N, C-alpha and C. Protein backbone atom coordinates (compact mmCIF):
# COMPACT_ATOMS: atom_id res chain seq x y z
N MET A 1 -8.28 0.13 19.99
CA MET A 1 -8.87 -1.20 19.76
C MET A 1 -7.78 -2.15 19.27
N THR A 2 -7.72 -3.34 19.84
CA THR A 2 -6.73 -4.31 19.41
C THR A 2 -7.18 -4.96 18.11
N PRO A 3 -6.23 -5.42 17.26
CA PRO A 3 -6.61 -6.01 15.98
C PRO A 3 -7.30 -7.35 16.11
N TYR A 4 -7.06 -8.07 17.20
CA TYR A 4 -7.73 -9.36 17.39
C TYR A 4 -7.95 -9.57 18.88
N PRO A 5 -9.00 -8.97 19.45
CA PRO A 5 -9.23 -9.06 20.90
C PRO A 5 -9.45 -10.50 21.35
N PHE A 6 -8.81 -10.88 22.44
CA PHE A 6 -8.92 -12.21 22.98
C PHE A 6 -9.82 -12.21 24.21
N ALA A 7 -10.32 -13.40 24.54
CA ALA A 7 -11.07 -13.58 25.77
C ALA A 7 -10.08 -13.70 26.94
N ASP A 8 -10.61 -13.97 28.15
CA ASP A 8 -9.75 -14.05 29.32
C ASP A 8 -8.70 -15.14 29.17
N GLN A 9 -9.12 -16.30 28.66
CA GLN A 9 -8.15 -17.38 28.41
C GLN A 9 -7.88 -17.44 26.91
N ILE A 10 -6.60 -17.52 26.55
CA ILE A 10 -6.21 -17.54 25.15
C ILE A 10 -5.77 -18.95 24.78
N ASN A 11 -6.42 -19.52 23.78
CA ASN A 11 -6.10 -20.87 23.32
C ASN A 11 -5.08 -20.79 22.19
N ILE A 12 -3.91 -21.37 22.42
CA ILE A 12 -2.79 -21.23 21.50
C ILE A 12 -2.43 -22.59 20.91
N LEU A 13 -2.19 -22.59 19.60
CA LEU A 13 -1.77 -23.78 18.88
C LEU A 13 -0.32 -23.57 18.44
N VAL A 14 0.58 -24.40 18.97
CA VAL A 14 2.00 -24.33 18.60
C VAL A 14 2.25 -25.38 17.53
N ALA A 15 2.57 -24.94 16.31
CA ALA A 15 2.73 -25.85 15.18
C ALA A 15 4.18 -25.84 14.72
N ASP A 16 4.90 -26.92 15.05
CA ASP A 16 6.31 -27.03 14.68
C ASP A 16 6.68 -28.51 14.70
N ASP A 17 7.51 -28.94 13.76
CA ASP A 17 7.82 -30.37 13.69
C ASP A 17 8.98 -30.78 14.61
N HIS A 18 9.58 -29.80 15.29
CA HIS A 18 10.67 -30.12 16.22
C HIS A 18 10.14 -30.10 17.65
N PRO A 19 10.07 -31.26 18.31
CA PRO A 19 9.47 -31.33 19.66
C PRO A 19 10.20 -30.47 20.68
N LEU A 20 11.53 -30.36 20.56
CA LEU A 20 12.26 -29.56 21.53
C LEU A 20 11.91 -28.09 21.42
N PHE A 21 11.72 -27.61 20.18
CA PHE A 21 11.35 -26.19 20.05
C PHE A 21 9.90 -25.98 20.47
N ARG A 22 9.02 -26.94 20.18
CA ARG A 22 7.64 -26.80 20.65
C ARG A 22 7.62 -26.65 22.16
N GLN A 23 8.45 -27.46 22.84
CA GLN A 23 8.49 -27.39 24.30
C GLN A 23 9.09 -26.07 24.76
N ALA A 24 10.14 -25.62 24.08
CA ALA A 24 10.78 -24.35 24.46
C ALA A 24 9.81 -23.19 24.28
N LEU A 25 9.06 -23.21 23.19
CA LEU A 25 8.10 -22.14 22.94
C LEU A 25 6.96 -22.20 23.96
N SER A 26 6.53 -23.39 24.32
CA SER A 26 5.49 -23.54 25.34
C SER A 26 5.96 -23.01 26.69
N GLU A 27 7.23 -23.26 27.02
CA GLU A 27 7.78 -22.75 28.28
C GLU A 27 7.87 -21.23 28.26
N ALA A 28 8.24 -20.66 27.10
CA ALA A 28 8.27 -19.20 26.98
C ALA A 28 6.87 -18.62 27.15
N LEU A 29 5.88 -19.29 26.57
CA LEU A 29 4.49 -18.84 26.71
C LEU A 29 4.04 -18.87 28.16
N SER A 30 4.53 -19.86 28.90
CA SER A 30 4.14 -19.97 30.32
C SER A 30 4.68 -18.82 31.16
N GLN A 31 5.67 -18.10 30.63
CA GLN A 31 6.25 -16.97 31.36
C GLN A 31 5.61 -15.64 30.99
N THR A 32 4.60 -15.66 30.13
CA THR A 32 3.91 -14.43 29.75
C THR A 32 2.92 -14.03 30.82
N ASP A 33 2.29 -12.89 30.62
CA ASP A 33 1.38 -12.32 31.63
C ASP A 33 -0.07 -12.74 31.43
N HIS A 34 -0.32 -13.79 30.67
CA HIS A 34 -1.68 -14.11 30.27
C HIS A 34 -2.07 -15.54 30.65
N LYS A 35 -3.36 -15.74 30.83
CA LYS A 35 -3.89 -17.07 31.08
C LYS A 35 -4.04 -17.78 29.74
N ILE A 36 -3.31 -18.88 29.57
CA ILE A 36 -3.27 -19.53 28.26
C ILE A 36 -3.53 -21.03 28.36
N GLN A 37 -3.97 -21.58 27.25
CA GLN A 37 -4.11 -23.02 27.07
C GLN A 37 -3.35 -23.37 25.80
N ILE A 38 -2.41 -24.31 25.90
CA ILE A 38 -1.52 -24.61 24.78
C ILE A 38 -1.80 -26.01 24.23
N GLN A 39 -1.87 -26.10 22.91
CA GLN A 39 -1.93 -27.39 22.22
C GLN A 39 -0.77 -27.43 21.24
N GLN A 40 -0.09 -28.58 21.16
CA GLN A 40 1.04 -28.72 20.26
C GLN A 40 0.71 -29.67 19.11
N VAL A 41 1.14 -29.30 17.90
CA VAL A 41 1.00 -30.16 16.72
C VAL A 41 2.30 -30.12 15.94
N GLN A 42 2.51 -31.13 15.08
CA GLN A 42 3.81 -31.25 14.41
C GLN A 42 3.72 -31.23 12.89
N SER A 43 2.55 -30.96 12.33
CA SER A 43 2.42 -30.94 10.88
C SER A 43 1.33 -29.95 10.48
N LEU A 44 1.34 -29.57 9.20
CA LEU A 44 0.28 -28.70 8.70
C LEU A 44 -1.07 -29.41 8.75
N ALA A 45 -1.07 -30.70 8.41
CA ALA A 45 -2.33 -31.47 8.44
C ALA A 45 -2.94 -31.43 9.83
N ASP A 46 -2.12 -31.66 10.86
CA ASP A 46 -2.63 -31.62 12.23
C ASP A 46 -3.07 -30.21 12.63
N THR A 47 -2.37 -29.19 12.10
CA THR A 47 -2.75 -27.80 12.38
C THR A 47 -4.13 -27.51 11.82
N LEU A 48 -4.38 -27.97 10.60
CA LEU A 48 -5.68 -27.74 9.97
C LEU A 48 -6.79 -28.45 10.74
N ILE A 49 -6.51 -29.66 11.20
CA ILE A 49 -7.51 -30.43 11.96
C ILE A 49 -7.82 -29.71 13.28
N ALA A 50 -6.77 -29.26 13.96
CA ALA A 50 -6.97 -28.57 15.23
C ALA A 50 -7.72 -27.26 15.04
N ALA A 51 -7.42 -26.55 13.97
CA ALA A 51 -8.10 -25.27 13.70
C ALA A 51 -9.58 -25.47 13.44
N GLU A 52 -9.92 -26.61 12.84
CA GLU A 52 -11.33 -26.90 12.54
C GLU A 52 -12.16 -27.05 13.81
N ALA A 53 -11.51 -27.35 14.93
CA ALA A 53 -12.25 -27.54 16.18
C ALA A 53 -12.92 -26.24 16.64
N GLY A 54 -12.39 -25.11 16.20
CA GLY A 54 -13.08 -23.84 16.43
C GLY A 54 -12.77 -23.13 17.72
N ASP A 55 -11.79 -23.61 18.51
CA ASP A 55 -11.51 -22.95 19.78
C ASP A 55 -10.08 -22.38 19.84
N THR A 56 -9.43 -22.24 18.69
CA THR A 56 -8.07 -21.69 18.64
C THR A 56 -8.12 -20.19 18.44
N ASP A 57 -7.39 -19.45 19.27
CA ASP A 57 -7.31 -17.99 19.15
C ASP A 57 -6.08 -17.55 18.37
N LEU A 58 -4.96 -18.25 18.61
CA LEU A 58 -3.68 -17.85 18.01
C LEU A 58 -2.90 -19.09 17.62
N ILE A 59 -2.38 -19.09 16.40
CA ILE A 59 -1.49 -20.16 15.93
C ILE A 59 -0.08 -19.60 15.82
N LEU A 60 0.87 -20.29 16.44
CA LEU A 60 2.28 -19.97 16.28
C LEU A 60 2.84 -21.00 15.30
N LEU A 61 3.09 -20.56 14.08
CA LEU A 61 3.31 -21.46 12.95
C LEU A 61 4.74 -21.44 12.44
N ASP A 62 5.35 -22.62 12.34
CA ASP A 62 6.65 -22.75 11.70
C ASP A 62 6.42 -22.87 10.19
N LEU A 63 7.28 -22.22 9.39
CA LEU A 63 7.14 -22.30 7.93
C LEU A 63 7.71 -23.60 7.36
N LYS A 64 8.55 -24.27 8.12
CA LYS A 64 9.26 -25.44 7.60
C LYS A 64 8.82 -26.70 8.31
N MET A 65 7.67 -27.25 7.90
CA MET A 65 7.23 -28.56 8.37
C MET A 65 7.21 -29.49 7.16
N PRO A 66 7.30 -30.80 7.37
CA PRO A 66 7.42 -31.73 6.24
C PRO A 66 6.33 -31.59 5.18
N ASP A 67 5.11 -31.28 5.61
CA ASP A 67 4.00 -31.18 4.66
C ASP A 67 3.62 -29.72 4.40
N CYS A 68 4.53 -28.79 4.67
CA CYS A 68 4.24 -27.36 4.51
C CYS A 68 5.36 -26.74 3.68
N VAL A 69 5.05 -26.36 2.44
CA VAL A 69 6.05 -25.82 1.52
C VAL A 69 5.92 -24.30 1.46
N GLY A 70 6.96 -23.61 1.92
CA GLY A 70 6.96 -22.15 1.84
C GLY A 70 5.77 -21.54 2.57
N LEU A 71 5.09 -20.63 1.87
CA LEU A 71 3.98 -19.90 2.47
C LEU A 71 2.62 -20.58 2.24
N MET A 72 2.62 -21.75 1.61
CA MET A 72 1.35 -22.40 1.27
C MET A 72 0.51 -22.69 2.50
N GLY A 73 1.17 -23.13 3.58
CA GLY A 73 0.43 -23.44 4.81
C GLY A 73 -0.21 -22.22 5.41
N LEU A 74 0.54 -21.14 5.49
CA LEU A 74 0.02 -19.89 6.03
C LEU A 74 -1.16 -19.39 5.19
N ILE A 75 -1.01 -19.41 3.88
CA ILE A 75 -2.07 -18.93 2.99
C ILE A 75 -3.32 -19.79 3.13
N GLU A 76 -3.13 -21.12 3.22
CA GLU A 76 -4.29 -22.00 3.36
C GLU A 76 -5.01 -21.78 4.69
N LEU A 77 -4.25 -21.63 5.76
CA LEU A 77 -4.85 -21.38 7.07
C LEU A 77 -5.60 -20.06 7.09
N ARG A 78 -5.02 -19.02 6.51
CA ARG A 78 -5.68 -17.72 6.47
C ARG A 78 -6.97 -17.78 5.65
N ALA A 79 -6.94 -18.54 4.56
CA ALA A 79 -8.13 -18.65 3.71
C ALA A 79 -9.25 -19.41 4.42
N ARG A 80 -8.88 -20.49 5.12
CA ARG A 80 -9.89 -21.31 5.79
C ARG A 80 -10.38 -20.70 7.10
N HIS A 81 -9.47 -20.01 7.81
CA HIS A 81 -9.80 -19.52 9.15
C HIS A 81 -9.35 -18.08 9.33
N PRO A 82 -9.99 -17.16 8.67
CA PRO A 82 -9.61 -15.74 8.80
C PRO A 82 -9.84 -15.21 10.21
N GLU A 83 -10.62 -15.93 11.02
CA GLU A 83 -10.91 -15.48 12.38
C GLU A 83 -9.77 -15.79 13.36
N ILE A 84 -8.82 -16.64 12.96
CA ILE A 84 -7.72 -17.04 13.84
C ILE A 84 -6.50 -16.17 13.56
N ALA A 85 -5.91 -15.61 14.61
CA ALA A 85 -4.66 -14.87 14.46
C ALA A 85 -3.52 -15.86 14.26
N ILE A 86 -2.61 -15.56 13.33
CA ILE A 86 -1.48 -16.44 13.05
C ILE A 86 -0.18 -15.63 13.09
N ALA A 87 0.77 -16.11 13.86
CA ALA A 87 2.11 -15.52 13.88
C ALA A 87 3.10 -16.59 13.45
N VAL A 88 4.02 -16.23 12.60
CA VAL A 88 5.06 -17.16 12.15
C VAL A 88 6.23 -17.12 13.12
N VAL A 89 6.69 -18.31 13.52
CA VAL A 89 7.89 -18.43 14.36
C VAL A 89 8.88 -19.27 13.56
N THR A 90 10.00 -18.67 13.16
CA THR A 90 10.85 -19.30 12.16
C THR A 90 12.33 -19.01 12.39
N ALA A 91 13.18 -19.84 11.79
CA ALA A 91 14.62 -19.58 11.80
C ALA A 91 15.01 -18.68 10.64
N ASN A 92 14.07 -18.41 9.75
CA ASN A 92 14.34 -17.61 8.55
C ASN A 92 14.46 -16.13 8.91
N GLU A 93 15.62 -15.55 8.68
CA GLU A 93 15.86 -14.16 9.04
C GLU A 93 15.88 -13.24 7.82
N SER A 94 15.13 -13.61 6.80
CA SER A 94 15.03 -12.79 5.59
C SER A 94 13.93 -11.75 5.75
N SER A 95 14.28 -10.49 5.58
CA SER A 95 13.28 -9.43 5.68
C SER A 95 12.27 -9.52 4.54
N GLN A 96 12.69 -10.07 3.40
CA GLN A 96 11.76 -10.26 2.28
C GLN A 96 10.70 -11.29 2.65
N THR A 97 11.12 -12.38 3.30
CA THR A 97 10.16 -13.39 3.74
C THR A 97 9.21 -12.80 4.77
N MET A 98 9.74 -12.00 5.69
CA MET A 98 8.88 -11.35 6.68
C MET A 98 7.83 -10.48 6.00
N ARG A 99 8.25 -9.75 4.96
CA ARG A 99 7.31 -8.88 4.25
C ARG A 99 6.21 -9.71 3.59
N LYS A 100 6.58 -10.86 3.01
CA LYS A 100 5.58 -11.75 2.40
C LYS A 100 4.61 -12.27 3.45
N VAL A 101 5.15 -12.66 4.61
CA VAL A 101 4.33 -13.18 5.70
C VAL A 101 3.33 -12.13 6.17
N LYS A 102 3.82 -10.90 6.31
CA LYS A 102 2.94 -9.80 6.71
C LYS A 102 1.85 -9.58 5.66
N SER A 103 2.24 -9.61 4.39
CA SER A 103 1.28 -9.39 3.31
C SER A 103 0.25 -10.50 3.23
N ALA A 104 0.63 -11.71 3.69
CA ALA A 104 -0.30 -12.84 3.67
C ALA A 104 -1.29 -12.79 4.83
N GLY A 105 -1.14 -11.81 5.74
CA GLY A 105 -2.13 -11.62 6.79
C GLY A 105 -1.72 -12.08 8.17
N ALA A 106 -0.44 -12.45 8.35
CA ALA A 106 0.02 -12.84 9.68
C ALA A 106 0.11 -11.61 10.59
N VAL A 107 -0.02 -11.85 11.89
CA VAL A 107 0.05 -10.74 12.86
C VAL A 107 1.43 -10.64 13.49
N GLY A 108 2.32 -11.58 13.15
CA GLY A 108 3.64 -11.52 13.75
C GLY A 108 4.66 -12.36 13.02
N TYR A 109 5.92 -12.05 13.28
CA TYR A 109 7.06 -12.78 12.69
C TYR A 109 8.16 -12.81 13.75
N LEU A 110 8.33 -13.97 14.37
CA LEU A 110 9.30 -14.12 15.46
C LEU A 110 10.44 -15.02 15.00
N ILE A 111 11.66 -14.64 15.34
CA ILE A 111 12.85 -15.40 14.97
C ILE A 111 13.21 -16.38 16.09
N LYS A 112 13.48 -17.63 15.72
CA LYS A 112 13.74 -18.67 16.72
C LYS A 112 15.01 -18.41 17.54
N SER A 113 15.93 -17.64 16.99
CA SER A 113 17.19 -17.38 17.69
C SER A 113 17.08 -16.26 18.72
N MET A 114 15.88 -15.70 18.90
CA MET A 114 15.70 -14.62 19.88
C MET A 114 16.08 -15.08 21.28
N GLU A 115 16.66 -14.17 22.06
CA GLU A 115 16.91 -14.46 23.47
C GLU A 115 15.57 -14.65 24.19
N LEU A 116 15.59 -15.42 25.27
CA LEU A 116 14.35 -15.76 25.97
C LEU A 116 13.57 -14.52 26.38
N ASP A 117 14.24 -13.54 26.97
CA ASP A 117 13.55 -12.33 27.42
C ASP A 117 12.86 -11.62 26.25
N SER A 118 13.55 -11.56 25.10
CA SER A 118 12.98 -10.91 23.92
C SER A 118 11.80 -11.70 23.38
N LEU A 119 11.94 -13.03 23.42
CA LEU A 119 10.85 -13.89 22.94
C LEU A 119 9.61 -13.73 23.81
N VAL A 120 9.80 -13.73 25.12
CA VAL A 120 8.65 -13.57 26.04
C VAL A 120 8.00 -12.21 25.83
N ALA A 121 8.82 -11.17 25.63
CA ALA A 121 8.27 -9.83 25.39
C ALA A 121 7.48 -9.80 24.08
N ALA A 122 8.00 -10.46 23.04
CA ALA A 122 7.30 -10.51 21.76
C ALA A 122 5.97 -11.26 21.90
N LEU A 123 5.99 -12.37 22.62
CA LEU A 123 4.77 -13.15 22.84
C LEU A 123 3.75 -12.34 23.64
N ASN A 124 4.21 -11.60 24.63
CA ASN A 124 3.30 -10.75 25.40
C ASN A 124 2.61 -9.73 24.49
N SER A 125 3.37 -9.17 23.55
CA SER A 125 2.78 -8.22 22.61
C SER A 125 1.67 -8.88 21.79
N LEU A 126 1.95 -10.08 21.29
CA LEU A 126 0.96 -10.80 20.50
C LEU A 126 -0.28 -11.13 21.33
N LEU A 127 -0.05 -11.55 22.57
CA LEU A 127 -1.16 -11.95 23.43
C LEU A 127 -1.99 -10.76 23.91
N LYS A 128 -1.44 -9.57 23.79
CA LYS A 128 -2.21 -8.36 24.10
C LYS A 128 -3.00 -7.89 22.88
N GLY A 129 -2.88 -8.63 21.78
CA GLY A 129 -3.59 -8.25 20.57
C GLY A 129 -2.82 -7.28 19.69
N GLU A 130 -1.54 -7.14 19.97
CA GLU A 130 -0.70 -6.28 19.15
C GLU A 130 0.01 -7.11 18.09
N ARG A 131 0.60 -6.42 17.12
CA ARG A 131 1.38 -7.09 16.08
C ARG A 131 2.85 -6.98 16.43
N TYR A 132 3.62 -8.01 16.04
CA TYR A 132 5.05 -7.98 16.34
C TYR A 132 5.81 -8.61 15.18
N PHE A 133 6.70 -7.84 14.57
CA PHE A 133 7.52 -8.32 13.46
C PHE A 133 8.99 -8.04 13.79
N SER A 134 9.74 -9.12 14.01
CA SER A 134 11.11 -9.01 14.51
C SER A 134 12.02 -8.19 13.59
N LEU A 135 11.82 -8.28 12.28
CA LEU A 135 12.73 -7.65 11.33
C LEU A 135 12.15 -6.38 10.73
N GLU A 136 11.12 -5.84 11.37
CA GLU A 136 10.43 -4.69 10.79
C GLU A 136 11.37 -3.49 10.72
N GLY A 137 11.33 -2.81 9.57
CA GLY A 137 12.17 -1.63 9.36
C GLY A 137 11.58 -0.79 8.25
N VAL A 138 12.43 -0.13 7.53
CA VAL A 138 11.98 0.71 6.42
C VAL A 138 11.60 -0.18 5.25
N GLU A 139 10.38 -0.07 4.80
CA GLU A 139 9.89 -0.90 3.70
C GLU A 139 9.28 -0.03 2.62
N ASP A 140 9.43 -0.48 1.39
CA ASP A 140 8.88 0.25 0.26
C ASP A 140 7.38 -0.01 0.18
N PRO A 141 6.53 1.03 0.32
CA PRO A 141 5.07 0.84 0.28
C PRO A 141 4.61 0.15 -1.00
N GLN A 142 5.27 0.42 -2.13
CA GLN A 142 4.86 -0.20 -3.38
C GLN A 142 5.12 -1.71 -3.34
N ASP A 143 6.27 -2.12 -2.74
CA ASP A 143 6.54 -3.54 -2.60
C ASP A 143 5.48 -4.22 -1.75
N ILE A 144 5.07 -3.56 -0.67
CA ILE A 144 4.05 -4.12 0.21
C ILE A 144 2.73 -4.27 -0.53
N ASP A 145 2.34 -3.24 -1.29
CA ASP A 145 1.08 -3.29 -2.05
C ASP A 145 1.13 -4.43 -3.07
N ASP A 146 2.27 -4.59 -3.74
CA ASP A 146 2.41 -5.65 -4.74
C ASP A 146 2.29 -7.02 -4.07
N ASP A 147 2.93 -7.19 -2.91
CA ASP A 147 2.87 -8.46 -2.19
C ASP A 147 1.44 -8.77 -1.76
N ILE A 148 0.74 -7.78 -1.22
CA ILE A 148 -0.64 -7.99 -0.75
C ILE A 148 -1.53 -8.42 -1.91
N ASP A 149 -1.37 -7.78 -3.06
CA ASP A 149 -2.17 -8.13 -4.23
C ASP A 149 -1.88 -9.56 -4.66
N ALA A 150 -0.60 -9.94 -4.68
CA ALA A 150 -0.23 -11.31 -5.08
C ALA A 150 -0.77 -12.32 -4.09
N MET A 151 -0.66 -12.04 -2.79
CA MET A 151 -1.13 -12.99 -1.77
C MET A 151 -2.65 -13.18 -1.83
N LYS A 152 -3.38 -12.11 -2.11
CA LYS A 152 -4.83 -12.24 -2.22
C LYS A 152 -5.20 -13.16 -3.37
N LYS A 153 -4.50 -13.01 -4.48
CA LYS A 153 -4.78 -13.86 -5.64
C LYS A 153 -4.40 -15.31 -5.35
N LEU A 154 -3.24 -15.52 -4.73
CA LEU A 154 -2.80 -16.87 -4.42
C LEU A 154 -3.73 -17.54 -3.41
N ALA A 155 -4.31 -16.75 -2.50
CA ALA A 155 -5.23 -17.30 -1.51
C ALA A 155 -6.52 -17.81 -2.15
N SER A 156 -6.81 -17.33 -3.36
CA SER A 156 -8.03 -17.79 -4.05
C SER A 156 -7.85 -19.16 -4.67
N LEU A 157 -6.61 -19.65 -4.77
CA LEU A 157 -6.34 -20.97 -5.34
C LEU A 157 -6.63 -22.06 -4.32
N THR A 158 -7.15 -23.18 -4.79
CA THR A 158 -7.31 -24.34 -3.93
C THR A 158 -5.94 -24.97 -3.69
N PRO A 159 -5.79 -25.81 -2.65
CA PRO A 159 -4.51 -26.50 -2.44
C PRO A 159 -4.05 -27.28 -3.67
N LYS A 160 -4.97 -27.92 -4.37
CA LYS A 160 -4.61 -28.66 -5.58
C LYS A 160 -4.09 -27.71 -6.66
N GLN A 161 -4.74 -26.56 -6.80
CA GLN A 161 -4.29 -25.58 -7.79
C GLN A 161 -2.93 -25.00 -7.42
N GLN A 162 -2.66 -24.82 -6.13
CA GLN A 162 -1.34 -24.37 -5.68
C GLN A 162 -0.28 -25.40 -6.04
N HIS A 163 -0.63 -26.68 -5.89
CA HIS A 163 0.31 -27.75 -6.24
C HIS A 163 0.58 -27.74 -7.75
N VAL A 164 -0.47 -27.60 -8.54
CA VAL A 164 -0.29 -27.53 -9.99
C VAL A 164 0.57 -26.33 -10.36
N LEU A 165 0.35 -25.21 -9.69
CA LEU A 165 1.14 -24.01 -9.95
C LEU A 165 2.62 -24.28 -9.69
N SER A 166 2.92 -24.98 -8.59
CA SER A 166 4.32 -25.28 -8.29
C SER A 166 4.94 -26.18 -9.35
N LEU A 167 4.15 -27.10 -9.92
CA LEU A 167 4.66 -27.99 -10.97
C LEU A 167 4.86 -27.23 -12.29
N ILE A 168 3.95 -26.29 -12.56
CA ILE A 168 4.12 -25.43 -13.74
C ILE A 168 5.44 -24.67 -13.64
N SER A 169 5.73 -24.17 -12.44
CA SER A 169 6.95 -23.37 -12.26
C SER A 169 8.21 -24.20 -12.44
N ARG A 170 8.08 -25.53 -12.30
CA ARG A 170 9.23 -26.42 -12.53
C ARG A 170 9.38 -26.77 -14.01
N GLY A 171 8.48 -26.24 -14.84
CA GLY A 171 8.58 -26.46 -16.28
C GLY A 171 7.87 -27.69 -16.79
N LEU A 172 7.05 -28.33 -15.93
CA LEU A 172 6.35 -29.54 -16.36
C LEU A 172 5.20 -29.20 -17.31
N LEU A 173 5.03 -30.05 -18.34
CA LEU A 173 3.91 -29.92 -19.27
C LEU A 173 2.66 -30.55 -18.65
N ASN A 174 1.50 -30.27 -19.25
CA ASN A 174 0.25 -30.80 -18.70
C ASN A 174 0.28 -32.32 -18.56
N LYS A 175 0.82 -32.99 -19.57
CA LYS A 175 0.89 -34.46 -19.54
C LYS A 175 1.76 -34.93 -18.37
N GLN A 176 2.86 -34.24 -18.13
CA GLN A 176 3.75 -34.61 -17.03
C GLN A 176 3.10 -34.32 -15.67
N ILE A 177 2.36 -33.22 -15.59
CA ILE A 177 1.65 -32.90 -14.33
C ILE A 177 0.58 -33.95 -14.06
N ALA A 178 -0.11 -34.38 -15.10
CA ALA A 178 -1.13 -35.41 -14.95
C ALA A 178 -0.52 -36.70 -14.40
N TYR A 179 0.65 -37.05 -14.92
CA TYR A 179 1.34 -38.26 -14.44
C TYR A 179 1.78 -38.09 -12.99
N GLU A 180 2.33 -36.92 -12.67
CA GLU A 180 2.82 -36.63 -11.32
C GLU A 180 1.70 -36.71 -10.29
N LEU A 181 0.52 -36.19 -10.63
CA LEU A 181 -0.60 -36.13 -9.69
C LEU A 181 -1.58 -37.29 -9.85
N ASP A 182 -1.32 -38.14 -10.84
CA ASP A 182 -2.19 -39.28 -11.11
C ASP A 182 -3.63 -38.84 -11.38
N ILE A 183 -3.77 -37.85 -12.25
CA ILE A 183 -5.08 -37.36 -12.68
C ILE A 183 -5.10 -37.26 -14.19
N LYS A 184 -6.27 -37.03 -14.76
CA LYS A 184 -6.39 -36.94 -16.21
C LYS A 184 -5.81 -35.62 -16.72
N GLU A 185 -5.30 -35.66 -17.96
CA GLU A 185 -4.74 -34.44 -18.54
C GLU A 185 -5.81 -33.37 -18.70
N THR A 186 -7.03 -33.78 -18.99
CA THR A 186 -8.12 -32.80 -19.11
C THR A 186 -8.37 -32.09 -17.78
N THR A 187 -8.18 -32.82 -16.66
CA THR A 187 -8.33 -32.21 -15.34
C THR A 187 -7.22 -31.19 -15.10
N VAL A 188 -6.01 -31.52 -15.54
CA VAL A 188 -4.90 -30.57 -15.42
C VAL A 188 -5.20 -29.31 -16.21
N LYS A 189 -5.72 -29.47 -17.42
CA LYS A 189 -6.04 -28.31 -18.26
C LYS A 189 -7.07 -27.42 -17.57
N THR A 190 -8.03 -28.04 -16.90
CA THR A 190 -9.04 -27.27 -16.16
C THR A 190 -8.39 -26.49 -15.03
N HIS A 191 -7.49 -27.16 -14.28
CA HIS A 191 -6.78 -26.48 -13.19
C HIS A 191 -5.96 -25.31 -13.73
N VAL A 192 -5.25 -25.53 -14.82
CA VAL A 192 -4.40 -24.48 -15.39
C VAL A 192 -5.24 -23.29 -15.81
N SER A 193 -6.38 -23.55 -16.44
CA SER A 193 -7.26 -22.46 -16.87
C SER A 193 -7.76 -21.66 -15.67
N GLU A 194 -8.12 -22.35 -14.59
CA GLU A 194 -8.60 -21.67 -13.39
C GLU A 194 -7.48 -20.87 -12.73
N ILE A 195 -6.28 -21.44 -12.72
CA ILE A 195 -5.13 -20.72 -12.15
C ILE A 195 -4.88 -19.42 -12.91
N PHE A 196 -4.88 -19.51 -14.24
CA PHE A 196 -4.65 -18.33 -15.06
C PHE A 196 -5.75 -17.29 -14.83
N ARG A 197 -6.99 -17.77 -14.71
CA ARG A 197 -8.10 -16.84 -14.51
C ARG A 197 -8.00 -16.14 -13.15
N LYS A 198 -7.74 -16.91 -12.10
CA LYS A 198 -7.70 -16.34 -10.76
C LYS A 198 -6.52 -15.39 -10.57
N LEU A 199 -5.39 -15.72 -11.22
CA LEU A 199 -4.20 -14.87 -11.07
C LEU A 199 -4.16 -13.76 -12.12
N ASN A 200 -5.11 -13.80 -13.05
CA ASN A 200 -5.17 -12.81 -14.13
C ASN A 200 -3.85 -12.80 -14.92
N ILE A 201 -3.42 -13.99 -15.34
CA ILE A 201 -2.21 -14.14 -16.12
C ILE A 201 -2.54 -14.91 -17.41
N PHE A 202 -1.53 -14.97 -18.30
CA PHE A 202 -1.81 -15.51 -19.62
C PHE A 202 -0.82 -16.57 -20.08
N ASN A 203 0.23 -16.82 -19.31
CA ASN A 203 1.20 -17.83 -19.75
C ASN A 203 1.91 -18.44 -18.55
N ARG A 204 2.69 -19.49 -18.81
CA ARG A 204 3.36 -20.25 -17.75
C ARG A 204 4.52 -19.48 -17.14
N THR A 205 5.12 -18.59 -17.88
CA THR A 205 6.19 -17.77 -17.32
C THR A 205 5.65 -16.89 -16.20
N GLN A 206 4.49 -16.27 -16.43
CA GLN A 206 3.86 -15.46 -15.39
C GLN A 206 3.48 -16.31 -14.20
N ALA A 207 3.03 -17.55 -14.45
CA ALA A 207 2.67 -18.47 -13.36
C ALA A 207 3.88 -18.77 -12.50
N ALA A 208 5.04 -18.98 -13.13
CA ALA A 208 6.26 -19.27 -12.39
C ALA A 208 6.67 -18.09 -11.51
N ILE A 209 6.45 -16.87 -12.01
CA ILE A 209 6.77 -15.68 -11.23
C ILE A 209 5.88 -15.61 -9.99
N TYR A 210 4.59 -15.91 -10.16
CA TYR A 210 3.68 -15.91 -9.01
C TYR A 210 4.09 -16.97 -7.99
N ASN A 211 4.54 -18.11 -8.49
CA ASN A 211 4.92 -19.19 -7.58
C ASN A 211 6.07 -18.79 -6.68
N GLN A 212 6.91 -17.86 -7.14
CA GLN A 212 8.03 -17.39 -6.32
C GLN A 212 7.56 -16.76 -5.01
N TYR A 213 6.35 -16.21 -5.01
CA TYR A 213 5.82 -15.61 -3.78
C TYR A 213 5.61 -16.67 -2.69
N LEU A 214 5.37 -17.92 -3.13
CA LEU A 214 5.12 -18.98 -2.16
C LEU A 214 6.40 -19.55 -1.57
N ASN A 215 7.53 -19.30 -2.24
CA ASN A 215 8.79 -19.89 -1.81
C ASN A 215 9.49 -18.97 -0.81
N VAL A 216 10.21 -19.59 0.11
CA VAL A 216 11.04 -18.83 1.05
C VAL A 216 12.43 -19.45 1.04
N PRO A 217 13.48 -18.64 1.27
CA PRO A 217 14.84 -19.19 1.27
C PRO A 217 15.06 -20.12 2.43
N GLU A 218 15.99 -21.05 2.24
CA GLU A 218 16.32 -22.00 3.31
C GLU A 218 17.02 -21.27 4.46
């Protein structure tokens, strides 16, 4: 049984802010063995809007879009649309980032520098309902379990709470966060309390450590 069985036609959303790469990826998709329909978007906001339409089977997601910081976009998409398969297509060749992406529920991790033949083969695997991770190798099971646990907790945060978490990790006090977000300090305190509760933590140092899971190297 495939992990995400597709219908005869597969509706694919290519999400990347570089038009040339969107076109290159679309051309690679056209060389696969499957009947596909492609839609291109250039931001996380547009990706979320397109996903809401309800006819997307697979999202090919870049981690580095102007309104998408680290893994926040992937986590938000997985939380809102668990029925959609998501594969990350990125220039990031960090095996640690790949492990985080896998733990966040993605079905694939493709490197942008792949040769065309390898890229088409990887896409064919995804379109057959298989998983494909370019950097997959020997991984510590305990590290994977820890990542999965962290990602589940982070997925429970709202986008606003994720933003507050990122500001906490920068060392901002509640008053400074309120100024940054143009909200009341009492609202910030409520967000902080909810963040601590959902992540099962007790101080800002622990919050900063959790925020590291959302970050990926340049």
